[in-house]
């Protein structure tokens, strides 16, 4: 098992090219199941979750051809196994996104109940509710969802809570359904818009993506596509937060600053200087930052996937701050690990109260989930002395070559085997 070893207390300076977004790449990969034509997906991040999804698509029967430019060519002309087994699904919740396309195109699918990070209850009941509203029969047996339908039919579906994967799965399914499907209380994330744009390029009729109401008029068939995955706003935010926390300077290239406005606002309030021009963003933080209160919320609110990183920044801010987690009920597992570095944090229900301290001190810590891993890396970069972060297989699910990118910013960080 590998870990990251960090010699912290160094101000970070330099430039980072933002990778493609994992949370956009995964549903777009699943869109390949909707057509027998060849498709090309560019700007794929080199991540464990992407590898897992490609392996799953290959198991289903998709022909997978990697190119040399961070892209892949897929062909779903000869799918012969409409099943996603537990061994491939257990590590990644997004595997459930094969369900909608398979049922829409073939009328049946069997998918293991998904796994992923242990950050709380993330049920698939909204996926099931939507597919049943579209005329599908759903059975749960021995840990598998078995779904069948002669042909899906359009329906009006009101989500009981905002769900990104639920919105994406039902949008994928509705593209080939008979009639119009209306998704209400839909997720508004930029990744949902990216998926919609990809589907529209295939011939889908979709309007309203990025709003609370998405309308999809089903079509008889979809064609191939050539699509470049949008930038990863969580990766961008992680590097911005790390550089701000260490008091450095960062030039980020290849992003849309509008989609990270909630984070930019918080970092600006902390005292960091943020300027953008085109697809570039410049951040400077040359003094101890002010504490910033955050409350996670669905987009366009503050993203839960940036909560751990901002908490790490707050541990050395000049004052007291609060972090309110409203999305996942078990997403404070990094708190005890940050306290091992000397952070002063107390939890009151779904609120963490952080008293900033002048500095952290290196220690051995252990990651519990993907974004907690990033928060602990930032803690290690802040701390004086050596910090080792264990269980970084979580980190590899969502960050491309993180030690290399931080290394380019001057961080002393290396990957070692235990």
Protein backbone atom coordinates (compact mmCIF):
# COMPACT_ATOMS: atom_id res chain seq x y z
CA UNK A 1 0.00 0.00 0.00
CA UNK A 2 1.28 3.47 -0.92
CA UNK A 3 1.38 6.73 1.01
CA UNK A 4 2.39 10.34 0.39
CA UNK A 5 5.24 11.78 2.43
CA UNK A 6 5.25 15.57 2.67
CA UNK A 7 7.86 17.96 4.03
CA UNK A 8 5.57 20.88 4.79
CA UNK A 9 5.83 24.54 5.66
CA UNK A 10 6.81 25.63 2.13
CA UNK A 11 5.06 28.40 0.24
CA UNK A 12 3.86 27.13 -3.14
CA UNK A 13 4.46 29.04 -6.38
CA UNK A 14 3.89 28.11 -10.00
CA UNK A 15 1.48 27.03 -12.73
CA UNK A 16 -0.95 24.10 -13.01
CA UNK A 17 -2.90 22.88 -16.05
CA UNK A 18 -6.30 21.70 -14.83
CA UNK A 19 -7.26 18.13 -15.78
CA UNK A 20 -10.57 16.92 -17.19
CA UNK A 21 -13.38 16.48 -14.68
CA UNK A 22 -13.92 13.01 -13.26
CA UNK A 23 -17.55 13.87 -12.43
CA UNK A 24 -18.12 14.83 -16.06
CA UNK A 25 -16.08 12.05 -17.67
CA UNK A 26 -17.91 9.17 -15.97
CA UNK A 27 -21.47 9.93 -17.20
CA UNK A 28 -20.15 10.89 -20.66
CA UNK A 29 -18.39 7.52 -20.87
CA UNK A 30 -21.76 5.90 -20.09
CA UNK A 31 -23.37 7.90 -22.91
CA UNK A 32 -21.44 5.65 -25.30
CA UNK A 33 -23.88 2.87 -24.38
CA UNK A 34 -26.72 4.75 -26.07
CA UNK A 35 -25.44 4.27 -29.62
CA UNK A 36 -23.93 1.59 -31.83
CA UNK A 37 -21.73 4.23 -33.50
CA UNK A 38 -18.13 4.87 -32.51
CA UNK A 39 -17.54 7.76 -30.15
CA UNK A 40 -14.47 9.72 -29.12
CA UNK A 41 -14.01 11.31 -25.71
CA UNK A 42 -11.09 13.71 -25.25
CA UNK A 43 -9.46 15.30 -22.19
CA UNK A 44 -10.11 12.25 -20.00
CA UNK A 45 -8.32 12.45 -16.65
CA UNK A 46 -5.99 9.54 -15.87
CA UNK A 47 -7.75 8.39 -12.68
CA UNK A 48 -8.61 5.11 -11.03
CA UNK A 49 -12.35 5.81 -11.33
CA UNK A 50 -12.00 6.38 -15.08
CA UNK A 51 -10.04 3.13 -15.40
CA UNK A 52 -12.75 1.33 -13.42
CA UNK A 53 -15.48 2.72 -15.68
CA UNK A 54 -13.59 1.72 -18.84
CA UNK A 55 -13.13 -1.78 -17.40
CA UNK A 56 -16.86 -1.94 -16.66
CA UNK A 57 -17.76 -0.80 -20.18
CA UNK A 58 -15.38 -3.41 -21.58
CA UNK A 59 -17.08 -6.07 -19.46
CA UNK A 60 -20.44 -5.07 -20.91
CA UNK A 61 -19.03 -5.47 -24.42
CA UNK A 62 -17.87 -1.99 -25.42
CA UNK A 63 -14.77 -1.99 -27.60
CA UNK A 64 -12.27 0.33 -25.89
CA UNK A 65 -9.36 1.92 -27.74
CA UNK A 66 -7.08 4.37 -25.95
CA UNK A 67 -5.30 7.10 -27.90
CA UNK A 68 -2.11 8.97 -27.10
CA UNK A 69 -3.78 12.31 -26.33
CA UNK A 70 -5.66 11.62 -23.09
CA UNK A 71 -8.64 10.29 -25.00
CA UNK A 72 -10.53 7.12 -25.81
CA UNK A 73 -12.51 5.72 -28.75
CA UNK A 74 -15.46 3.51 -27.82
CA UNK A 75 -17.81 1.32 -29.82
CA UNK A 76 -20.99 -0.12 -28.35
CA UNK A 77 -22.05 -1.96 -31.47
CA UNK A 78 -21.81 -5.44 -29.97
CA UNK A 79 -22.87 -5.31 -26.33
CA UNK A 80 -23.41 -8.84 -25.08
CA UNK A 81 -23.45 -8.66 -21.28
CA UNK A 82 -25.98 -6.18 -19.85
CA UNK A 83 -24.72 -6.58 -16.32
CA UNK A 84 -22.46 -4.59 -14.00
CA UNK A 85 -21.03 -7.04 -11.43
CA UNK A 86 -20.24 -6.29 -7.82
CA UNK A 87 -16.47 -6.66 -8.25
CA UNK A 88 -16.43 -3.74 -10.69
CA UNK A 89 -19.09 -1.60 -9.02
CA UNK A 90 -18.16 -1.86 -5.35
CA UNK A 91 -15.44 0.81 -5.41
CA UNK A 92 -17.31 3.43 -7.43
CA UNK A 93 -20.84 4.69 -6.95
CA UNK A 94 -20.94 6.25 -10.44
CA UNK A 95 -21.11 2.72 -11.90
CA UNK A 96 -24.89 2.95 -11.47
CA UNK A 97 -24.84 5.36 -14.45
CA UNK A 98 -24.76 2.41 -16.87
CA UNK A 99 -28.29 1.53 -15.74
CA UNK A 100 -30.24 4.25 -17.54
CA UNK A 101 -28.54 3.90 -20.94
CA UNK A 102 -28.77 0.09 -20.99
CA UNK A 103 -32.47 0.02 -20.11
CA UNK A 104 -33.20 2.80 -22.63
CA UNK A 105 -31.43 1.04 -25.49
CA UNK A 106 -31.95 -2.65 -24.71
CA UNK A 107 -34.92 -2.74 -22.35
CA UNK A 108 -33.07 -4.43 -19.51
CA UNK A 109 -30.04 -4.25 -17.25
CA UNK A 110 -28.71 -5.74 -14.04
CA UNK A 111 -26.44 -3.58 -11.90
CA UNK A 112 -24.94 -4.28 -8.51
CA UNK A 113 -25.80 -1.78 -5.81
CA UNK A 114 -22.89 0.69 -5.89
CA UNK A 115 -20.09 1.48 -3.47
CA UNK A 116 -17.64 4.39 -3.35
CA UNK A 117 -16.53 6.64 -0.51
CA UNK A 118 -17.91 5.93 2.96
CA UNK A 119 -19.22 9.45 3.51
CA UNK A 120 -22.82 8.68 4.38
CA UNK A 121 -26.04 7.39 2.89
CA UNK A 122 -26.19 7.92 -0.87
CA UNK A 123 -29.14 5.76 -1.89
CA UNK A 124 -30.27 5.04 -5.43
CA UNK A 125 -33.95 5.35 -4.58
CA UNK A 126 -34.33 8.46 -6.79
CA UNK A 127 -32.92 6.52 -9.76
CA UNK A 128 -35.42 3.71 -9.12
CA UNK A 129 -38.32 6.12 -8.62
CA UNK A 130 -37.60 7.79 -11.95
CA UNK A 131 -37.21 4.58 -13.95
CA UNK A 132 -40.45 3.20 -12.49
CA UNK A 133 -42.22 6.44 -13.45
CA UNK A 134 -40.96 5.82 -17.00
CA UNK A 135 -42.57 2.37 -17.02
CA UNK A 136 -39.70 0.15 -15.92
CA UNK A 137 -40.04 -2.82 -13.59
CA UNK A 138 -37.39 -2.81 -10.85
CA UNK A 139 -36.41 -5.75 -8.67
CA UNK A 140 -33.74 -5.82 -5.95
CA UNK A 141 -32.34 -9.28 -5.31
CA UNK A 142 -29.07 -10.37 -3.66
CA UNK A 143 -27.54 -6.93 -3.96
CA UNK A 144 -28.48 -6.35 -7.60
CA UNK A 145 -30.89 -3.97 -9.29
CA UNK A 146 -32.68 -5.78 -12.11
CA UNK A 147 -34.56 -3.37 -14.36
CA UNK A 148 -36.65 -4.15 -17.41
CA UNK A 149 -38.98 -2.28 -19.75
CA UNK A 150 -40.30 -3.02 -23.23
CA UNK A 151 -39.64 0.65 -23.92
CA UNK A 152 -39.30 3.55 -21.55
CA UNK A 153 -41.96 6.25 -21.83
CA UNK A 154 -41.66 9.92 -20.97
CA UNK A 155 -42.81 11.04 -17.55
CA UNK A 156 -42.70 13.97 -15.16
CA UNK A 157 -40.29 13.18 -12.33
CA UNK A 158 -39.85 15.32 -9.24
CA UNK A 159 -36.73 14.48 -7.26
CA UNK A 160 -37.27 14.36 -3.51
CA UNK A 161 -33.78 15.76 -3.07
CA UNK A 162 -31.19 17.17 -5.45
CA UNK A 163 -29.11 14.30 -6.84
CA UNK A 164 -26.42 14.70 -9.48
CA UNK A 165 -26.10 11.06 -10.50
CA UNK A 166 -29.88 10.64 -10.34
CA UNK A 167 -30.36 13.59 -12.69
CA UNK A 168 -27.70 12.26 -15.05
CA UNK A 169 -28.97 8.67 -15.05
CA UNK A 170 -32.55 9.65 -15.84
CA UNK A 171 -31.44 12.19 -18.44
CA UNK A 172 -29.45 9.42 -20.15
CA UNK A 173 -32.45 7.08 -19.99
CA UNK A 174 -34.93 9.68 -21.26
CA UNK A 175 -33.03 10.40 -24.49
CA UNK A 176 -34.41 7.21 -26.11
CA UNK A 177 -37.80 7.10 -24.32
CA UNK A 178 -41.15 7.59 -26.07
CA UNK A 179 -42.36 11.14 -25.52
CA UNK A 180 -41.23 13.92 -23.22
CA UNK A 181 -39.60 13.52 -19.83
CA UNK A 182 -39.50 16.44 -17.40
CA UNK A 183 -37.02 16.34 -14.50
CA UNK A 184 -37.90 18.75 -11.68
CA UNK A 185 -35.66 19.72 -8.76
CA UNK A 186 -32.84 18.59 -11.03
CA UNK A 187 -29.15 19.06 -10.22
CA UNK A 188 -27.71 22.22 -11.80
CA UNK A 189 -24.00 21.33 -11.70
CA UNK A 190 -21.78 22.27 -14.67
CA UNK A 191 -21.08 18.56 -15.14
CA UNK A 192 -24.79 18.01 -15.85
CA UNK A 193 -24.59 20.70 -18.52
CA UNK A 194 -21.50 19.05 -20.01
CA UNK A 195 -23.34 15.72 -20.25
CA UNK A 196 -26.37 17.43 -21.82
CA UNK A 197 -24.16 19.11 -24.44
CA UNK A 198 -22.61 15.74 -25.27
CA UNK A 199 -26.04 14.11 -25.64
CA UNK A 200 -27.29 16.98 -27.80
CA UNK A 201 -24.31 16.41 -30.11
CA UNK A 202 -25.57 12.81 -30.45
CA UNK A 203 -28.99 14.03 -31.58
CA UNK A 204 -30.78 14.18 -28.22
CA UNK A 205 -33.39 16.89 -27.66
CA UNK A 206 -32.66 18.44 -24.26
CA UNK A 207 -33.48 21.87 -22.87
CA UNK A 208 -33.03 23.44 -19.46
CA UNK A 209 -29.81 21.74 -18.37
CA UNK A 210 -28.27 23.89 -15.67
CA UNK A 211 -31.67 24.84 -14.27
CA UNK A 212 -34.04 23.12 -11.84
CA UNK A 213 -36.19 21.84 -14.70
CA UNK A 214 -34.77 19.75 -17.55
CA UNK A 215 -36.91 18.62 -20.48
CA UNK A 216 -35.95 15.71 -22.71
CA UNK A 217 -37.87 14.76 -25.84
CA UNK A 218 -37.05 11.15 -26.67
CA UNK A 219 -35.70 10.27 -30.12
CA UNK A 220 -35.60 6.88 -31.95
CA UNK A 221 -31.81 6.63 -31.99
CA UNK A 222 -28.60 8.51 -31.22
CA UNK A 223 -25.40 8.83 -33.23
CA UNK A 224 -21.72 8.90 -32.36
CA UNK A 225 -19.97 11.94 -30.94
CA UNK A 226 -16.62 13.63 -30.41
CA UNK A 227 -16.58 15.44 -27.07
CA UNK A 228 -13.94 17.05 -24.87
CA UNK A 229 -14.56 16.70 -21.13
CA UNK A 230 -14.84 19.97 -19.18
CA UNK A 231 -12.21 20.99 -16.63
CA UNK A 232 -12.26 19.60 -13.08
CA UNK A 233 -13.48 22.42 -10.86
CA UNK A 234 -12.78 20.43 -7.67
CA UNK A 235 -9.18 19.78 -8.70
CA UNK A 236 -8.82 23.48 -9.53
CA UNK A 237 -10.30 24.42 -6.16
CA UNK A 238 -7.99 22.04 -4.32
CA UNK A 239 -4.85 23.63 -5.78
CA UNK A 240 -6.22 27.12 -5.19
CA UNK A 241 -6.93 26.32 -1.55
CA UNK A 242 -3.54 24.66 -0.99
CA UNK A 243 -1.63 27.62 -2.41
CA UNK A 244 -3.75 30.11 -0.46
CA UNK A 245 -3.21 28.15 2.76
CA UNK A 246 0.58 28.09 2.30
CA UNK A 247 0.78 31.77 1.36
CA UNK A 248 1.94 31.39 -2.23
CA UNK A 249 1.00 32.25 -5.80
CA UNK A 250 -0.69 30.10 -8.45
CA UNK A 251 -1.55 30.42 -12.12
CA UNK A 252 -4.28 27.96 -13.12
CA UNK A 253 -4.80 27.34 -16.83
CA UNK A 254 -7.77 25.86 -18.69
CA UNK A 255 -10.84 26.64 -16.60
CA UNK A 256 -14.12 28.56 -16.55
CA UNK A 257 -14.01 30.77 -13.47
CA UNK A 258 -17.81 31.23 -13.50
CA UNK A 259 -18.33 27.62 -12.43
CA UNK A 260 -16.16 28.05 -9.31
CA UNK A 261 -17.58 31.43 -8.25
CA UNK A 262 -18.65 30.15 -4.81
CA UNK A 263 -15.08 29.11 -4.00
CA UNK A 264 -13.55 32.26 -5.49
CA UNK A 265 -15.85 34.34 -3.29
CA UNK A 266 -14.78 32.47 -0.15
CA UNK A 267 -11.07 32.71 -0.91
CA UNK A 268 -11.42 36.40 -1.69
CA UNK A 269 -13.19 36.91 1.64
CA UNK A 270 -10.29 35.13 3.34
CA UNK A 271 -7.92 37.80 2.06
CA UNK A 272 -6.49 36.02 -0.99
CA UNK A 273 -6.24 37.95 -4.24
CA UNK A 274 -7.94 36.24 -7.20
CA UNK A 275 -7.87 37.56 -10.77
CA UNK A 276 -9.10 35.84 -13.94
CA UNK A 277 -8.61 36.44 -17.63
CA UNK A 278 -10.12 34.12 -20.21
CA UNK A 279 -9.37 30.53 -19.16
CA UNK A 280 -6.59 31.55 -16.75
CA UNK A 281 -6.82 32.38 -13.05
CA UNK A 282 -4.16 33.97 -10.85
CA UNK A 283 -4.26 33.59 -7.06
CA UNK A 284 -1.98 35.27 -4.51
CA UNK A 285 -2.00 34.96 -0.72
CA UNK A 286 0.85 36.82 0.95
CA UNK A 287 -0.29 37.00 4.58
CA UNK A 288 -2.17 34.95 7.16
CA UNK A 289 -5.73 34.47 5.95
CA UNK A 290 -8.98 35.41 7.64
CA UNK A 291 -11.30 32.60 8.81
CA UNK A 292 -14.18 31.82 6.44
CA UNK A 293 -17.51 30.25 7.37
CA UNK A 294 -18.91 27.80 4.82
CA UNK A 295 -22.15 25.90 4.45
CA UNK A 296 -22.26 23.20 1.80
CA UNK A 297 -25.18 23.21 -0.63
CA UNK A 298 -26.07 21.91 -4.09
CA UNK A 299 -24.70 23.96 -6.99
CA UNK A 300 -24.48 26.94 -7.24
CA UNK A 301 -23.86 26.81 -3.50
CA UNK A 302 -20.56 25.86 -1.90
CA UNK A 303 -19.60 22.32 -3.02
CA UNK A 304 -19.40 19.56 -0.42
CA UNK A 305 -16.42 18.21 -2.37
CA UNK A 306 -14.42 21.28 -1.26
CA UNK A 307 -15.41 21.18 2.40
CA UNK A 308 -12.39 19.23 3.70
CA UNK A 309 -9.93 21.40 1.79
CA UNK A 310 -11.38 24.67 3.14
CA UNK A 311 -11.41 23.21 6.63
CA UNK A 312 -7.68 22.55 6.34
CA UNK A 313 -7.16 26.20 5.33
CA UNK A 314 -9.26 27.37 8.29
CA UNK A 315 -7.07 25.45 10.75
CA UNK A 316 -4.38 28.14 10.40
CA UNK A 317 -6.62 31.16 9.74
CA UNK A 318 -6.54 34.12 12.10
CA UNK A 319 -9.69 33.44 14.14
CA UNK A 320 -12.67 31.12 14.53
CA UNK A 321 -14.71 29.67 11.67
CA UNK A 322 -17.54 27.20 11.17
CA UNK A 323 -18.11 24.56 8.54
CA UNK A 324 -21.70 23.32 8.12
CA UNK A 325 -22.12 20.08 6.15
CA UNK A 326 -25.66 19.75 4.77
CA UNK A 327 -25.16 17.16 2.01
CA UNK A 328 -23.57 14.09 3.63
CA UNK A 329 -24.04 13.16 7.27
CA UNK A 330 -20.70 11.40 7.66
CA UNK A 331 -18.25 13.78 6.02
CA UNK A 332 -16.25 14.95 9.02
CA UNK A 333 -14.01 11.88 9.28
CA UNK A 334 -10.98 14.00 8.37
CA UNK A 335 -11.42 16.09 11.53
CA UNK A 336 -9.69 13.63 13.85
CA UNK A 337 -6.79 13.34 11.40
CA UNK A 338 -6.38 17.12 11.12
CA UNK A 339 -6.33 17.27 14.91
CA UNK A 340 -3.34 14.91 14.81
CA UNK A 341 -1.54 17.73 13.00
CA UNK A 342 -2.43 20.15 15.82
CA UNK A 343 -5.69 21.59 14.48
CA UNK A 344 -8.26 22.77 17.04
CA UNK A 345 -11.65 21.55 15.80
CA UNK A 346 -14.82 20.63 17.66
CA UNK A 347 -17.88 19.02 16.09
CA UNK A 348 -21.42 19.99 17.07
CA UNK A 349 -23.85 17.89 15.04
CA UNK A 350 -23.32 18.79 11.39
CA UNK A 351 -21.19 21.83 12.25
CA UNK A 352 -17.44 21.89 12.80
CA UNK A 353 -16.03 24.82 14.78
CA UNK A 354 -12.40 25.58 13.94
CA UNK A 355 -10.15 27.78 16.04
CA UNK A 356 -7.24 28.82 13.88
CA UNK A 357 -3.75 28.19 15.24
CA UNK A 358 -0.44 29.78 14.15
CA UNK A 359 0.78 26.56 12.56
CA UNK A 360 0.41 22.79 12.26
CA UNK A 361 3.00 20.10 12.95
CA UNK A 362 3.63 17.03 10.80
CA UNK A 363 2.31 13.61 11.83
CA UNK A 364 1.08 10.32 10.38
CA UNK A 365 -2.52 10.59 9.16
CA UNK A 366 -4.89 8.30 7.29
CA UNK A 367 -7.32 9.17 4.53
CA UNK A 368 -10.92 7.99 4.86
CA UNK A 369 -12.39 9.16 1.55
CA UNK A 370 -11.46 10.99 -1.64
CA UNK A 371 -11.91 14.61 -0.60
CA UNK A 372 -10.74 13.99 2.97
CA UNK A 373 -7.49 12.83 1.38
CA UNK A 374 -7.10 16.20 -0.32
CA UNK A 375 -7.77 18.02 2.93
CA UNK A 376 -5.08 16.00 4.68
CA UNK A 377 -2.57 16.69 1.89
CA UNK A 378 -3.24 20.41 2.32
CA UNK A 379 -2.79 19.99 6.07
CA UNK A 380 0.55 18.30 5.43
CA UNK A 381 1.64 21.06 3.07
CA UNK A 382 0.85 23.65 5.76
CA UNK A 383 2.47 21.74 8.65
CA UNK A 384 6.10 22.07 9.65
CA UNK A 385 8.07 18.83 9.56
CA UNK A 386 7.07 15.57 7.92
CA UNK A 387 3.53 14.34 7.33
CA UNK A 388 2.65 10.98 5.84
CA UNK A 389 -0.81 10.43 4.37
CA UNK A 390 -1.89 6.80 4.22
CA UNK A 391 -4.61 5.08 2.17
CA UNK A 392 -4.01 7.33 -0.82
CA UNK A 393 -5.86 4.92 -3.09
CA UNK A 394 -8.80 7.18 -2.21
CA UNK A 395 -6.85 10.14 -3.57
CA UNK A 396 -6.02 8.36 -6.82
CA UNK A 397 -9.73 8.00 -7.56
CA UNK A 398 -10.07 11.72 -8.14
CA UNK A 399 -6.70 13.47 -8.58
CA UNK A 400 -4.39 13.03 -11.55
CA UNK A 401 -0.69 12.83 -10.60
CA UNK A 402 -1.24 15.01 -7.54
CA UNK A 403 2.31 14.63 -6.24
CA UNK A 404 3.72 15.67 -9.62
CA UNK A 405 1.52 18.76 -9.85
CA UNK A 406 2.28 19.86 -6.30
CA UNK A 407 5.94 19.13 -6.96
CA UNK A 408 5.89 21.61 -9.83
CA UNK A 409 4.69 24.22 -7.34
CA UNK A 410 7.72 23.60 -5.15
CA UNK A 411 6.20 21.15 -2.68
CA UNK A 412 8.44 18.45 -1.23
CA UNK A 413 6.08 15.53 -1.68
CA UNK A 414 6.76 11.97 -2.74
CA UNK A 415 4.91 8.70 -3.11
CA UNK A 416 6.36 5.73 -1.26
CA UNK A 417 5.37 2.12 -0.67
CA UNK A 418 4.77 1.00 2.88
